[in-house]
């Protein structure tokens, strides 16, 4: 680890309130990537929720499918690693759910379009 990181963490160790020490010292707490990766991954959830307003003809089936698969796989992974990372689980669950809904919308649109073209 870098000297800057160690110095910063040492300074913060002294000012973290006693009530927050269990979170601060947790193996998946703010001192680790296990905390920050899920925190930043919430941006994918926000983007997925904002895409609910997107016209269905502009949705990408491949993108929605890959993000849904990623969410499902990483949700499972987050519960089998040690320490269990419930923050990672929750963010990936939300990624999977939002993208599965988008995938449903896109596939339904394409099916309806094919039925209209067949008539």
PDB file of N, CA and C in Angstrom:
ATOM      1  N   UNK A   1       0.836  -1.184   0.000  1.00  0.00           N
ATOM      2  CA  UNK A   1       0.000   0.000   0.000  1.00  0.00           C
ATOM      3  C   UNK A   1       0.881   1.247   0.000  1.00  0.00           C
ATOM      4  N   UNK A   2       0.345   2.309  -0.519  1.00  0.00           N
ATOM      5  CA  UNK A   2       1.129   3.534  -0.610  1.00  0.00           C
ATOM      6  C   UNK A   2       1.244   4.216   0.753  1.00  0.00           C
ATOM      7  N   UNK A   3       2.276   5.011   0.880  1.00  0.00           N
ATOM      8  CA  UNK A   3       2.492   5.756   2.120  1.00  0.00           C
ATOM      9  C   UNK A   3       1.370   6.771   2.338  1.00  0.00           C
ATOM     10  N   UNK A   4       0.893   7.368   1.256  1.00  0.00           N
ATOM     11  CA  UNK A   4      -0.201   8.329   1.353  1.00  0.00           C
ATOM     12  C   UNK A   4      -1.456   7.666   1.915  1.00  0.00           C
ATOM     13  N   UNK A   5      -1.772   6.458   1.422  1.00  0.00           N
ATOM     14  CA  UNK A   5      -2.953   5.733   1.910  1.00  0.00           C
ATOM     15  C   UNK A   5      -2.797   5.419   3.403  1.00  0.00           C
ATOM     16  N   UNK A   6      -1.644   4.876   3.791  1.00  0.00           N
ATOM     17  CA  UNK A   6      -1.423   4.522   5.203  1.00  0.00           C
ATOM     18  C   UNK A   6      -1.505   5.746   6.106  1.00  0.00           C
ATOM     19  N   UNK A   7      -0.957   6.857   5.656  1.00  0.00           N
ATOM     20  CA  UNK A   7      -0.996   8.093   6.442  1.00  0.00           C
ATOM     21  C   UNK A   7      -2.427   8.589   6.592  1.00  0.00           C
ATOM     22  N   UNK A   8      -3.172   8.553   5.502  1.00  0.00           N
ATOM     23  CA  UNK A   8      -4.570   9.005   5.524  1.00  0.00           C
ATOM     24  C   UNK A   8      -5.407   8.136   6.457  1.00  0.00           C
ATOM     25  N   UNK A   9      -5.266   6.834   6.341  1.00  0.00           N
ATOM     26  CA  UNK A   9      -6.036   5.914   7.188  1.00  0.00           C
ATOM     27  C   UNK A   9      -5.656   6.083   8.655  1.00  0.00           C
ATOM     28  N   UNK A  10      -4.383   6.255   8.932  1.00  0.00           N
ATOM     29  CA  UNK A  10      -3.946   6.468  10.325  1.00  0.00           C
ATOM     30  C   UNK A  10      -4.570   7.726  10.909  1.00  0.00           C
ATOM     31  N   UNK A  11      -4.634   8.789  10.109  1.00  0.00           N
ATOM     32  CA  UNK A  11      -5.249  10.032  10.579  1.00  0.00           C
ATOM     33  C   UNK A  11      -6.744   9.847  10.801  1.00  0.00           C
ATOM     34  N   UNK A  12      -7.404   9.141   9.885  1.00  0.00           N
ATOM     35  CA  UNK A  12      -8.841   8.927  10.013  1.00  0.00           C
ATOM     36  C   UNK A  12      -9.187   7.967  11.153  1.00  0.00           C
ATOM     37  N   UNK A  13      -8.302   7.008  11.436  1.00  0.00           N
ATOM     38  CA  UNK A  13      -8.534   6.076  12.548  1.00  0.00           C
ATOM     39  C   UNK A  13      -8.775   6.826  13.858  1.00  0.00           C
ATOM     40  N   UNK A  14      -8.119   7.958  14.012  1.00  0.00           N
ATOM     41  CA  UNK A  14      -8.208   8.721  15.261  1.00  0.00           C
ATOM     42  C   UNK A  14      -9.502   9.506  15.378  1.00  0.00           C
ATOM     43  N   UNK A  15     -10.161   9.816  14.263  1.00  0.00           N
ATOM     44  CA  UNK A  15     -11.346  10.673  14.340  1.00  0.00           C
ATOM     45  C   UNK A  15     -12.662   9.933  14.095  1.00  0.00           C
ATOM     46  N   UNK A  16     -12.591   8.659  13.748  1.00  0.00           N
ATOM     47  CA  UNK A  16     -13.827   7.892  13.542  1.00  0.00           C
ATOM     48  C   UNK A  16     -14.474   7.648  14.904  1.00  0.00           C
ATOM     49  N   UNK A  17     -15.745   8.030  15.064  1.00  0.00           N
ATOM     50  CA  UNK A  17     -16.425   7.851  16.359  1.00  0.00           C
ATOM     51  C   UNK A  17     -16.491   6.376  16.775  1.00  0.00           C
ATOM     52  N   UNK A  18     -16.564   6.158  18.067  1.00  0.00           N
ATOM     53  CA  UNK A  18     -16.594   4.794  18.612  1.00  0.00           C
ATOM     54  C   UNK A  18     -17.771   3.991  18.063  1.00  0.00           C
ATOM     55  N   UNK A  19     -18.913   4.652  17.853  1.00  0.00           N
ATOM     56  CA  UNK A  19     -20.095   3.955  17.320  1.00  0.00           C
ATOM     57  C   UNK A  19     -19.848   3.407  15.918  1.00  0.00           C
ATOM     58  N   UNK A  20     -18.997   4.084  15.149  1.00  0.00           N
ATOM     59  CA  UNK A  20     -18.740   3.664  13.773  1.00  0.00           C
ATOM     60  C   UNK A  20     -17.514   2.763  13.635  1.00  0.00           C
ATOM     61  N   UNK A  21     -16.824   2.509  14.734  1.00  0.00           N
ATOM     62  CA  UNK A  21     -15.625   1.671  14.676  1.00  0.00           C
ATOM     63  C   UNK A  21     -15.892   0.263  14.128  1.00  0.00           C
ATOM     64  N   UNK A  22     -17.019  -0.413  14.513  1.00  0.00           N
ATOM     65  CA  UNK A  22     -17.243  -1.740  13.930  1.00  0.00           C
ATOM     66  C   UNK A  22     -17.321  -1.701  12.398  1.00  0.00           C
ATOM     67  N   UNK A  23     -17.973  -0.707  11.841  1.00  0.00           N
ATOM     68  CA  UNK A  23     -18.022  -0.563  10.385  1.00  0.00           C
ATOM     69  C   UNK A  23     -16.643  -0.225   9.837  1.00  0.00           C
ATOM     70  N   UNK A  24     -15.960   0.701  10.481  1.00  0.00           N
ATOM     71  CA  UNK A  24     -14.652   1.156  10.027  1.00  0.00           C
ATOM     72  C   UNK A  24     -13.632   0.012  10.027  1.00  0.00           C
ATOM     73  N   UNK A  25     -13.692  -0.855  11.033  1.00  0.00           N
ATOM     74  CA  UNK A  25     -12.725  -1.941  11.163  1.00  0.00           C
ATOM     75  C   UNK A  25     -13.152  -3.224  10.445  1.00  0.00           C
ATOM     76  N   UNK A  26     -14.352  -3.258   9.906  1.00  0.00           N
ATOM     77  CA  UNK A  26     -14.871  -4.465   9.250  1.00  0.00           C
ATOM     78  C   UNK A  26     -13.993  -4.839   8.054  1.00  0.00           C
ATOM     79  N   UNK A  27     -13.810  -6.155   7.805  1.00  0.00           N
ATOM     80  CA  UNK A  27     -12.989  -6.581   6.665  1.00  0.00           C
ATOM     81  C   UNK A  27     -13.512  -6.099   5.309  1.00  0.00           C
ATOM     82  N   UNK A  28     -14.791  -5.728   5.245  1.00  0.00           N
ATOM     83  CA  UNK A  28     -15.341  -5.166   4.001  1.00  0.00           C
ATOM     84  C   UNK A  28     -15.758  -3.716   4.228  1.00  0.00           C
ATOM     85  N   UNK A  29     -15.067  -3.046   5.143  1.00  0.00           N
ATOM     86  CA  UNK A  29     -15.406  -1.665   5.481  1.00  0.00           C
ATOM     87  C   UNK A  29     -14.743  -0.647   4.574  1.00  0.00           C
ATOM     88  N   UNK A  30     -14.882   0.624   4.925  1.00  0.00           N
ATOM     89  CA  UNK A  30     -14.399   1.716   4.074  1.00  0.00           C
ATOM     90  C   UNK A  30     -12.889   1.748   3.843  1.00  0.00           C
ATOM     91  N   UNK A  31     -12.141   0.971   4.581  1.00  0.00           N
ATOM     92  CA  UNK A  31     -10.691   0.924   4.362  1.00  0.00           C
ATOM     93  C   UNK A  31     -10.326   0.036   3.175  1.00  0.00           C
ATOM     94  N   UNK A  32     -11.311  -0.651   2.607  1.00  0.00           N
ATOM     95  CA  UNK A  32     -11.018  -1.646   1.577  1.00  0.00           C
ATOM     96  C   UNK A  32     -11.760  -1.370   0.278  1.00  0.00           C
ATOM     97  N   UNK A  33     -11.307  -2.025  -0.769  1.00  0.00           N
ATOM     98  CA  UNK A  33     -11.982  -1.941  -2.066  1.00  0.00           C
ATOM     99  C   UNK A  33     -13.352  -2.625  -1.995  1.00  0.00           C
ATOM    100  N   UNK A  34     -13.520  -3.531  -1.036  1.00  0.00           N
ATOM    101  CA  UNK A  34     -14.788  -4.241  -0.887  1.00  0.00           C
ATOM    102  C   UNK A  34     -15.926  -3.298  -0.522  1.00  0.00           C
ATOM    103  N   UNK A  35     -15.598  -2.137  -0.001  1.00  0.00           N
ATOM    104  CA  UNK A  35     -16.591  -1.121   0.315  1.00  0.00           C
ATOM    105  C   UNK A  35     -16.788  -0.170  -0.865  1.00  0.00           C
ATOM    106  N   UNK A  36     -15.701   0.295  -1.440  1.00  0.00           N
ATOM    107  CA  UNK A  36     -15.784   1.348  -2.448  1.00  0.00           C
ATOM    108  C   UNK A  36     -16.270   0.858  -3.801  1.00  0.00           C
ATOM    109  N   UNK A  37     -15.948  -0.354  -4.184  1.00  0.00           N
ATOM    110  CA  UNK A  37     -16.419  -0.875  -5.475  1.00  0.00           C
ATOM    111  C   UNK A  37     -17.948  -0.919  -5.526  1.00  0.00           C
ATOM    112  N   UNK A  38     -18.623  -1.497  -4.526  1.00  0.00           N
ATOM    113  CA  UNK A  38     -20.090  -1.466  -4.558  1.00  0.00           C
ATOM    114  C   UNK A  38     -20.649  -0.048  -4.461  1.00  0.00           C
ATOM    115  N   UNK A  39     -19.979   0.807  -3.703  1.00  0.00           N
ATOM    116  CA  UNK A  39     -20.472   2.183  -3.561  1.00  0.00           C
ATOM    117  C   UNK A  39     -20.525   2.877  -4.924  1.00  0.00           C
ATOM    118  N   UNK A  40     -19.488   2.715  -5.721  1.00  0.00           N
ATOM    119  CA  UNK A  40     -19.464   3.344  -7.036  1.00  0.00           C
ATOM    120  C   UNK A  40     -20.323   2.587  -8.044  1.00  0.00           C
ATOM    121  N   UNK A  41     -20.562   1.308  -7.804  1.00  0.00           N
ATOM    122  CA  UNK A  41     -21.379   0.531  -8.733  1.00  0.00           C
ATOM    123  C   UNK A  41     -22.855   0.946  -8.677  1.00  0.00           C
ATOM    124  N   UNK A  42     -23.256   1.655  -7.626  1.00  0.00           N
ATOM    125  CA  UNK A  42     -24.627   2.151  -7.562  1.00  0.00           C
ATOM    126  C   UNK A  42     -24.933   3.073  -8.734  1.00  0.00           C
ATOM    127  N   UNK A  43     -23.898   3.624  -9.364  1.00  0.00           N
ATOM    128  CA  UNK A  43     -24.138   4.470 -10.544  1.00  0.00           C
ATOM    129  C   UNK A  43     -24.771   3.658 -11.672  1.00  0.00           C
ATOM    130  N   UNK A  44     -24.446   2.357 -11.765  1.00  0.00           N
ATOM    131  CA  UNK A  44     -25.101   1.496 -12.765  1.00  0.00           C
ATOM    132  C   UNK A  44     -26.584   1.328 -12.455  1.00  0.00           C
ATOM    133  N   UNK A  45     -26.905   1.232 -11.192  1.00  0.00           N
ATOM    134  CA  UNK A  45     -28.312   1.109 -10.795  1.00  0.00           C
ATOM    135  C   UNK A  45     -29.058   2.396 -11.137  1.00  0.00           C
ATOM    136  N   UNK A  46     -28.444   3.522 -10.825  1.00  0.00           N
ATOM    137  CA  UNK A  46     -29.073   4.818 -11.138  1.00  0.00           C
ATOM    138  C   UNK A  46     -29.274   4.957 -12.645  1.00  0.00           C
ATOM    139  N   UNK A  47     -28.273   4.565 -13.423  1.00  0.00           N
ATOM    140  CA  UNK A  47     -28.398   4.626 -14.885  1.00  0.00           C
ATOM    141  C   UNK A  47     -29.510   3.697 -15.367  1.00  0.00           C
ATOM    142  N   UNK A  48     -29.610   2.495 -14.780  1.00  0.00           N
ATOM    143  CA  UNK A  48     -30.661   1.555 -15.157  1.00  0.00           C
ATOM    144  C   UNK A  48     -32.052   2.079 -14.840  1.00  0.00           C
ATOM    145  N   UNK A  49     -32.172   2.727 -13.693  1.00  0.00           N
ATOM    146  CA  UNK A  49     -33.466   3.297 -13.320  1.00  0.00           C
ATOM    147  C   UNK A  49     -33.821   4.462 -14.237  1.00  0.00           C
ATOM    148  N   UNK A  50     -32.836   5.277 -14.584  1.00  0.00           N
ATOM    149  CA  UNK A  50     -33.123   6.393 -15.497  1.00  0.00           C
ATOM    150  C   UNK A  50     -33.465   5.886 -16.891  1.00  0.00           C
ATOM    151  N   UNK A  51     -32.937   4.721 -17.264  1.00  0.00           N
ATOM    152  CA  UNK A  51     -33.267   4.131 -18.568  1.00  0.00           C
ATOM    153  C   UNK A  51     -34.703   3.616 -18.632  1.00  0.00           C
ATOM    154  N   UNK A  52     -35.381   3.520 -17.504  1.00  0.00           N
ATOM    155  CA  UNK A  52     -36.786   3.103 -17.524  1.00  0.00           C
ATOM    156  C   UNK A  52     -37.638   4.101 -18.301  1.00  0.00           C
ATOM    157  N   UNK A  53     -37.151   5.336 -18.407  1.00  0.00           N
ATOM    158  CA  UNK A  53     -37.853   6.370 -19.156  1.00  0.00           C
ATOM    159  C   UNK A  53     -37.485   6.357 -20.648  1.00  0.00           C
ATOM    160  N   UNK A  54     -36.466   5.601 -20.992  1.00  0.00           N
ATOM    161  CA  UNK A  54     -35.993   5.560 -22.376  1.00  0.00           C
ATOM    162  C   UNK A  54     -37.016   4.841 -23.247  1.00  0.00           C
ATOM    163  N   UNK A  55     -37.246   5.340 -24.460  1.00  0.00           N
ATOM    164  CA  UNK A  55     -38.139   4.627 -25.378  1.00  0.00           C
ATOM    165  C   UNK A  55     -37.638   3.203 -25.622  1.00  0.00           C
ATOM    166  N   UNK A  56     -38.565   2.267 -25.647  1.00  0.00           N
ATOM    167  CA  UNK A  56     -38.196   0.851 -25.708  1.00  0.00           C
ATOM    168  C   UNK A  56     -37.455   0.502 -27.000  1.00  0.00           C
ATOM    169  N   UNK A  57     -37.688   1.237 -28.065  1.00  0.00           N
ATOM    170  CA  UNK A  57     -36.997   0.931 -29.318  1.00  0.00           C
ATOM    171  C   UNK A  57     -35.521   1.320 -29.275  1.00  0.00           C
ATOM    172  N   UNK A  58     -35.108   2.039 -28.249  1.00  0.00           N
ATOM    173  CA  UNK A  58     -33.707   2.434 -28.098  1.00  0.00           C
ATOM    174  C   UNK A  58     -32.941   1.543 -27.116  1.00  0.00           C
ATOM    175  N   UNK A  59     -33.600   0.551 -26.555  1.00  0.00           N
ATOM    176  CA  UNK A  59     -32.935  -0.347 -25.598  1.00  0.00           C
ATOM    177  C   UNK A  59     -32.098  -1.376 -26.336  1.00  0.00           C
ATOM    178  N   UNK A  60     -30.973  -1.718 -25.735  1.00  0.00           N
ATOM    179  CA  UNK A  60     -30.088  -2.737 -26.298  1.00  0.00           C
ATOM    180  C   UNK A  60     -30.315  -4.062 -25.561  1.00  0.00           C
ATOM    181  N   UNK A  61     -30.741  -5.067 -26.308  1.00  0.00           N
ATOM    182  CA  UNK A  61     -30.963  -6.386 -25.713  1.00  0.00           C
ATOM    183  C   UNK A  61     -29.635  -6.955 -25.210  1.00  0.00           C
ATOM    184  N   UNK A  62     -28.588  -6.821 -26.006  1.00  0.00           N
ATOM    185  CA  UNK A  62     -27.279  -7.374 -25.616  1.00  0.00           C
ATOM    186  C   UNK A  62     -26.753  -6.705 -24.344  1.00  0.00           C
ATOM    187  N   UNK A  63     -26.870  -5.396 -24.271  1.00  0.00           N
ATOM    188  CA  UNK A  63     -26.382  -4.685 -23.094  1.00  0.00           C
ATOM    189  C   UNK A  63     -27.192  -5.057 -21.863  1.00  0.00           C
ATOM    190  N   UNK A  64     -28.503  -5.087 -21.993  1.00  0.00           N
ATOM    191  CA  UNK A  64     -29.354  -5.437 -20.851  1.00  0.00           C
ATOM    192  C   UNK A  64     -29.085  -6.867 -20.394  1.00  0.00           C
ATOM    193  N   UNK A  65     -28.907  -7.770 -21.352  1.00  0.00           N
ATOM    194  CA  UNK A  65     -28.643  -9.174 -20.998  1.00  0.00           C
ATOM    195  C   UNK A  65     -27.300  -9.320 -20.299  1.00  0.00           C
ATOM    196  N   UNK A  66     -26.279  -8.624 -20.788  1.00  0.00           N
ATOM    197  CA  UNK A  66     -24.961  -8.759 -20.165  1.00  0.00           C
ATOM    198  C   UNK A  66     -24.941  -8.136 -18.770  1.00  0.00           C
ATOM    199  N   UNK A  67     -25.604  -7.001 -18.594  1.00  0.00           N
ATOM    200  CA  UNK A  67     -25.659  -6.399 -17.262  1.00  0.00           C
ATOM    201  C   UNK A  67     -26.497  -7.238 -16.302  1.00  0.00           C
ATOM    202  N   UNK A  68     -27.575  -7.833 -16.787  1.00  0.00           N
ATOM    203  CA  UNK A  68     -28.391  -8.709 -15.933  1.00  0.00           C
ATOM    204  C   UNK A  68     -27.578  -9.932 -15.506  1.00  0.00           C
ATOM    205  N   UNK A  69     -26.857 -10.529 -16.451  1.00  0.00           N
ATOM    206  CA  UNK A  69     -26.022 -11.697 -16.127  1.00  0.00           C
ATOM    207  C   UNK A  69     -24.935 -11.324 -15.125  1.00  0.00           C
ATOM    208  N   UNK A  70     -24.322 -10.177 -15.335  1.00  0.00           N
ATOM    209  CA  UNK A  70     -23.299  -9.702 -14.400  1.00  0.00           C
ATOM    210  C   UNK A  70     -23.881  -9.533 -13.006  1.00  0.00           C
ATOM    211  N   UNK A  71     -25.067  -8.930 -12.934  1.00  0.00           N
ATOM    212  CA  UNK A  71     -25.705  -8.733 -11.632  1.00  0.00           C
ATOM    213  C   UNK A  71     -26.001 -10.039 -10.926  1.00  0.00           C
ATOM    214  N   UNK A  72     -26.506 -11.021 -11.666  1.00  0.00           N
ATOM    215  CA  UNK A  72     -26.831 -12.323 -11.072  1.00  0.00           C
ATOM    216  C   UNK A  72     -25.560 -13.034 -10.605  1.00  0.00           C
ATOM    217  N   UNK A  73     -24.545 -13.065 -11.461  1.00  0.00           N
ATOM    218  CA  UNK A  73     -23.297 -13.771 -11.126  1.00  0.00           C
ATOM    219  C   UNK A  73     -22.628 -13.144  -9.910  1.00  0.00           C
ATOM    220  N   UNK A  74     -22.483 -11.831  -9.897  1.00  0.00           N
ATOM    221  CA  UNK A  74     -21.811 -11.167  -8.790  1.00  0.00           C
ATOM    222  C   UNK A  74     -22.643 -11.177  -7.515  1.00  0.00           C
ATOM    223  N   UNK A  75     -23.966 -11.250  -7.638  1.00  0.00           N
ATOM    224  CA  UNK A  75     -24.800 -11.390  -6.437  1.00  0.00           C
ATOM    225  C   UNK A  75     -24.480 -12.708  -5.747  1.00  0.00           C
ATOM    226  N   UNK A  76     -24.384 -13.753  -6.526  1.00  0.00           N
ATOM    227  CA  UNK A  76     -24.046 -15.065  -5.971  1.00  0.00           C
ATOM    228  C   UNK A  76     -22.639 -15.057  -5.377  1.00  0.00           C
ATOM    229  N   UNK A  77     -21.700 -14.496  -6.119  1.00  0.00           N
ATOM    230  CA  UNK A  77     -20.306 -14.459  -5.677  1.00  0.00           C
ATOM    231  C   UNK A  77     -20.163 -13.725  -4.343  1.00  0.00           C
ATOM    232  N   UNK A  78     -20.899 -12.626  -4.183  1.00  0.00           N
ATOM    233  CA  UNK A  78     -20.755 -11.814  -2.976  1.00  0.00           C
ATOM    234  C   UNK A  78     -21.180 -12.553  -1.716  1.00  0.00           C
ATOM    235  N   UNK A  79     -21.959 -13.618  -1.874  1.00  0.00           N
ATOM    236  CA  UNK A  79     -22.404 -14.384  -0.704  1.00  0.00           C
ATOM    237  C   UNK A  79     -21.529 -15.602  -0.414  1.00  0.00           C
ATOM    238  N   UNK A  80     -20.615 -15.943  -1.319  1.00  0.00           N
ATOM    239  CA  UNK A  80     -19.747 -17.087  -1.065  1.00  0.00           C
ATOM    240  C   UNK A  80     -18.323 -16.681  -0.711  1.00  0.00           C
ATOM    241  N   UNK A  81     -17.971 -15.410  -0.920  1.00  0.00           N
ATOM    242  CA  UNK A  81     -16.634 -14.967  -0.545  1.00  0.00           C
ATOM    243  C   UNK A  81     -16.566 -14.731   0.957  1.00  0.00           C
ATOM    244  N   UNK A  82     -15.355 -14.684   1.466  1.00  0.00           N
ATOM    245  CA  UNK A  82     -15.148 -14.384   2.877  1.00  0.00           C
ATOM    246  C   UNK A  82     -14.322 -13.106   2.930  1.00  0.00           C
ATOM    247  N   UNK A  83     -14.805 -12.072   3.577  1.00  0.00           N
ATOM    248  CA  UNK A  83     -16.076 -11.962   4.294  1.00  0.00           C
ATOM    249  C   UNK A  83     -17.234 -11.763   3.321  1.00  0.00           C
ATOM    250  N   UNK A  84     -18.409 -12.228   3.738  1.00  0.00           N
ATOM    251  CA  UNK A  84     -19.599 -11.991   2.931  1.00  0.00           C
ATOM    252  C   UNK A  84     -19.762 -10.483   2.763  1.00  0.00           C
ATOM    253  N   UNK A  85     -20.085 -10.079   1.557  1.00  0.00           N
ATOM    254  CA  UNK A  85     -20.177  -8.648   1.282  1.00  0.00           C
ATOM    255  C   UNK A  85     -21.613  -8.327   0.895  1.00  0.00           C
ATOM    256  N   UNK A  86     -22.401  -7.940   1.878  1.00  0.00           N
ATOM    257  CA  UNK A  86     -23.821  -7.669   1.641  1.00  0.00           C
ATOM    258  C   UNK A  86     -24.032  -6.385   0.836  1.00  0.00           C
ATOM    259  N   UNK A  87     -23.100  -5.471   0.926  1.00  0.00           N
ATOM    260  CA  UNK A  87     -23.183  -4.263   0.109  1.00  0.00           C
ATOM    261  C   UNK A  87     -23.033  -4.629  -1.372  1.00  0.00           C
ATOM    262  N   UNK A  88     -22.077  -5.478  -1.672  1.00  0.00           N
ATOM    263  CA  UNK A  88     -21.884  -5.951  -3.044  1.00  0.00           C
ATOM    264  C   UNK A  88     -23.093  -6.756  -3.510  1.00  0.00           C
ATOM    265  N   UNK A  89     -23.644  -7.553  -2.614  1.00  0.00           N
ATOM    266  CA  UNK A  89     -24.837  -8.330  -2.953  1.00  0.00           C
ATOM    267  C   UNK A  89     -26.001  -7.421  -3.317  1.00  0.00           C
ATOM    268  N   UNK A  90     -26.254  -6.414  -2.477  1.00  0.00           N
ATOM    269  CA  UNK A  90     -27.424  -5.561  -2.720  1.00  0.00           C
ATOM    270  C   UNK A  90     -27.287  -4.769  -4.013  1.00  0.00           C
ATOM    271  N   UNK A  91     -26.125  -4.216  -4.286  1.00  0.00           N
ATOM    272  CA  UNK A  91     -25.977  -3.430  -5.508  1.00  0.00           C
ATOM    273  C   UNK A  91     -26.114  -4.321  -6.743  1.00  0.00           C
ATOM    274  N   UNK A  92     -25.562  -5.522  -6.696  1.00  0.00           N
ATOM    275  CA  UNK A  92     -25.677  -6.408  -7.847  1.00  0.00           C
ATOM    276  C   UNK A  92     -27.081  -6.960  -8.022  1.00  0.00           C
ATOM    277  N   UNK A  93     -27.783  -7.144  -6.918  1.00  0.00           N
ATOM    278  CA  UNK A  93     -29.177  -7.554  -7.009  1.00  0.00           C
ATOM    279  C   UNK A  93     -29.998  -6.468  -7.720  1.00  0.00           C
ATOM    280  N   UNK A  94     -29.768  -5.224  -7.363  1.00  0.00           N
ATOM    281  CA  UNK A  94     -30.478  -4.123  -8.009  1.00  0.00           C
ATOM    282  C   UNK A  94     -30.086  -3.991  -9.482  1.00  0.00           C
ATOM    283  N   UNK A  95     -28.816  -4.193  -9.790  1.00  0.00           N
ATOM    284  CA  UNK A  95     -28.387  -4.172 -11.197  1.00  0.00           C
ATOM    285  C   UNK A  95     -29.130  -5.258 -11.965  1.00  0.00           C
ATOM    286  N   UNK A  96     -29.170  -6.467 -11.410  1.00  0.00           N
ATOM    287  CA  UNK A  96     -29.841  -7.583 -12.088  1.00  0.00           C
ATOM    288  C   UNK A  96     -31.323  -7.304 -12.282  1.00  0.00           C
ATOM    289  N   UNK A  97     -31.996  -6.828 -11.249  1.00  0.00           N
ATOM    290  CA  UNK A  97     -33.441  -6.596 -11.335  1.00  0.00           C
ATOM    291  C   UNK A  97     -33.769  -5.510 -12.362  1.00  0.00           C
ATOM    292  N   UNK A  98     -33.047  -4.391 -12.313  1.00  0.00           N
ATOM    293  CA  UNK A  98     -33.343  -3.318 -13.273  1.00  0.00           C
ATOM    294  C   UNK A  98     -33.067  -3.763 -14.698  1.00  0.00           C
ATOM    295  N   UNK A  99     -32.007  -4.517 -14.902  1.00  0.00           N
ATOM    296  CA  UNK A  99     -31.672  -4.941 -16.264  1.00  0.00           C
ATOM    297  C   UNK A  99     -32.556  -6.082 -16.751  1.00  0.00           C
ATOM    298  N   UNK A 100     -33.010  -6.946 -15.853  1.00  0.00           N
ATOM    299  CA  UNK A 100     -33.965  -7.978 -16.264  1.00  0.00           C
ATOM    300  C   UNK A 100     -35.286  -7.345 -16.699  1.00  0.00           C
ATOM    301  N   UNK A 101     -35.684  -6.288 -16.017  1.00  0.00           N
ATOM    302  CA  UNK A 101     -36.899  -5.581 -16.428  1.00  0.00           C
ATOM    303  C   UNK A 101     -36.698  -4.917 -17.794  1.00  0.00           C
ATOM    304  N   UNK A 102     -35.530  -4.303 -17.993  1.00  0.00           N
ATOM    305  CA  UNK A 102     -35.240  -3.687 -19.293  1.00  0.00           C
ATOM    306  C   UNK A 102     -35.200  -4.752 -20.390  1.00  0.00           C
ATOM    307  N   UNK A 103     -34.649  -5.896 -20.080  1.00  0.00           N
ATOM    308  CA  UNK A 103     -34.589  -6.997 -21.042  1.00  0.00           C
ATOM    309  C   UNK A 103     -35.995  -7.466 -21.394  1.00  0.00           C
ATOM    310  N   UNK A 104     -36.862  -7.565 -20.414  1.00  0.00           N
ATOM    311  CA  UNK A 104     -38.261  -7.930 -20.650  1.00  0.00           C
ATOM    312  C   UNK A 104     -38.921  -6.914 -21.573  1.00  0.00           C
ATOM    313  N   UNK A 105     -38.710  -5.634 -21.292  1.00  0.00           N
ATOM    314  CA  UNK A 105     -39.296  -4.583 -22.135  1.00  0.00           C
ATOM    315  C   UNK A 105     -38.808  -4.698 -23.578  1.00  0.00           C
ATOM    316  N   UNK A 106     -37.506  -4.884 -23.759  1.00  0.00           N
ATOM    317  CA  UNK A 106     -36.926  -4.936 -25.100  1.00  0.00           C
ATOM    318  C   UNK A 106     -37.409  -6.159 -25.869  1.00  0.00           C
ATOM    319  N   UNK A 107     -37.432  -7.315 -25.225  1.00  0.00           N
ATOM    320  CA  UNK A 107     -37.867  -8.543 -25.898  1.00  0.00           C
ATOM    321  C   UNK A 107     -39.351  -8.459 -26.245  1.00  0.00           C
ATOM    322  N   UNK A 108     -40.152  -7.931 -25.333  1.00  0.00           N
ATOM    323  CA  UNK A 108     -41.588  -7.766 -25.618  1.00  0.00           C
ATOM    324  C   UNK A 108     -41.794  -6.844 -26.808  1.00  0.00           C
ATOM    325  N   UNK A 109     -41.042  -5.777 -26.870  1.00  0.00           N
ATOM    326  CA  UNK A 109     -41.152  -4.843 -27.992  1.00  0.00           C
ATOM    327  C   UNK A 109     -40.810  -5.533 -29.311  1.00  0.00           C
ATOM    328  N   UNK A 110     -39.713  -6.280 -29.327  1.00  0.00           N
ATOM    329  CA  UNK A 110     -39.293  -6.961 -30.557  1.00  0.00           C
ATOM    330  C   UNK A 110     -40.298  -8.033 -30.978  1.00  0.00           C
ATOM    331  N   UNK A 111     -40.872  -8.728 -30.026  1.00  0.00           N
ATOM    332  CA  UNK A 111     -41.899  -9.732 -30.353  1.00  0.00           C
ATOM    333  C   UNK A 111     -43.146  -9.070 -30.940  1.00  0.00           C
ATOM    334  N   UNK A 112     -43.594  -7.999 -30.320  1.00  0.00           N
ATOM    335  CA  UNK A 112     -44.763  -7.271 -30.838  1.00  0.00           C
ATOM    336  C   UNK A 112     -44.490  -6.714 -32.224  1.00  0.00           C
ATOM    337  N   UNK A 113     -43.278  -6.241 -32.443  1.00  0.00           N
ATOM    338  CA  UNK A 113     -42.907  -5.712 -33.750  1.00  0.00           C
ATOM    339  C   UNK A 113     -42.932  -6.818 -34.810  1.00  0.00           C
ATOM    340  N   UNK A 114     -42.437  -8.005 -34.461  1.00  0.00           N
ATOM    341  CA  UNK A 114     -42.459  -9.129 -35.391  1.00  0.00           C
ATOM    342  C   UNK A 114     -43.887  -9.570 -35.703  1.00  0.00           C
ATOM    343  N   UNK A 115     -44.751  -9.562 -34.695  1.00  0.00           N
ATOM    344  CA  UNK A 115     -46.155  -9.940 -34.912  1.00  0.00           C
ATOM    345  C   UNK A 115     -46.846  -8.947 -35.831  1.00  0.00           C
ATOM    346  N   UNK A 116     -46.572  -7.657 -35.669  1.00  0.00           N
ATOM    347  CA  UNK A 116     -47.162  -6.645 -36.534  1.00  0.00           C
ATOM    348  C   UNK A 116     -46.672  -6.774 -37.982  1.00  0.00           C
ATOM    349  N   UNK A 117     -45.392  -7.087 -38.123  1.00  0.00           N
ATOM    350  CA  UNK A 117     -44.810  -7.257 -39.463  1.00  0.00           C
ATOM    351  C   UNK A 117     -45.329  -8.525 -40.134  1.00  0.00           C
ATOM    352  N   UNK A 118     -45.641  -9.527 -39.349  1.00  0.00           N
ATOM    353  CA  UNK A 118     -46.148 -10.797 -39.903  1.00  0.00           C
ATOM    354  C   UNK A 118     -47.559 -10.644 -40.412  1.00  0.00           C
ATOM    355  N   UNK A 119     -48.308  -9.698 -39.892  1.00  0.00           N
ATOM    356  CA  UNK A 119     -49.710  -9.520 -40.294  1.00  0.00           C
ATOM    357  C   UNK A 119     -49.769  -8.727 -41.534  1.00  0.00           C
TER     358      UNK A 119
END
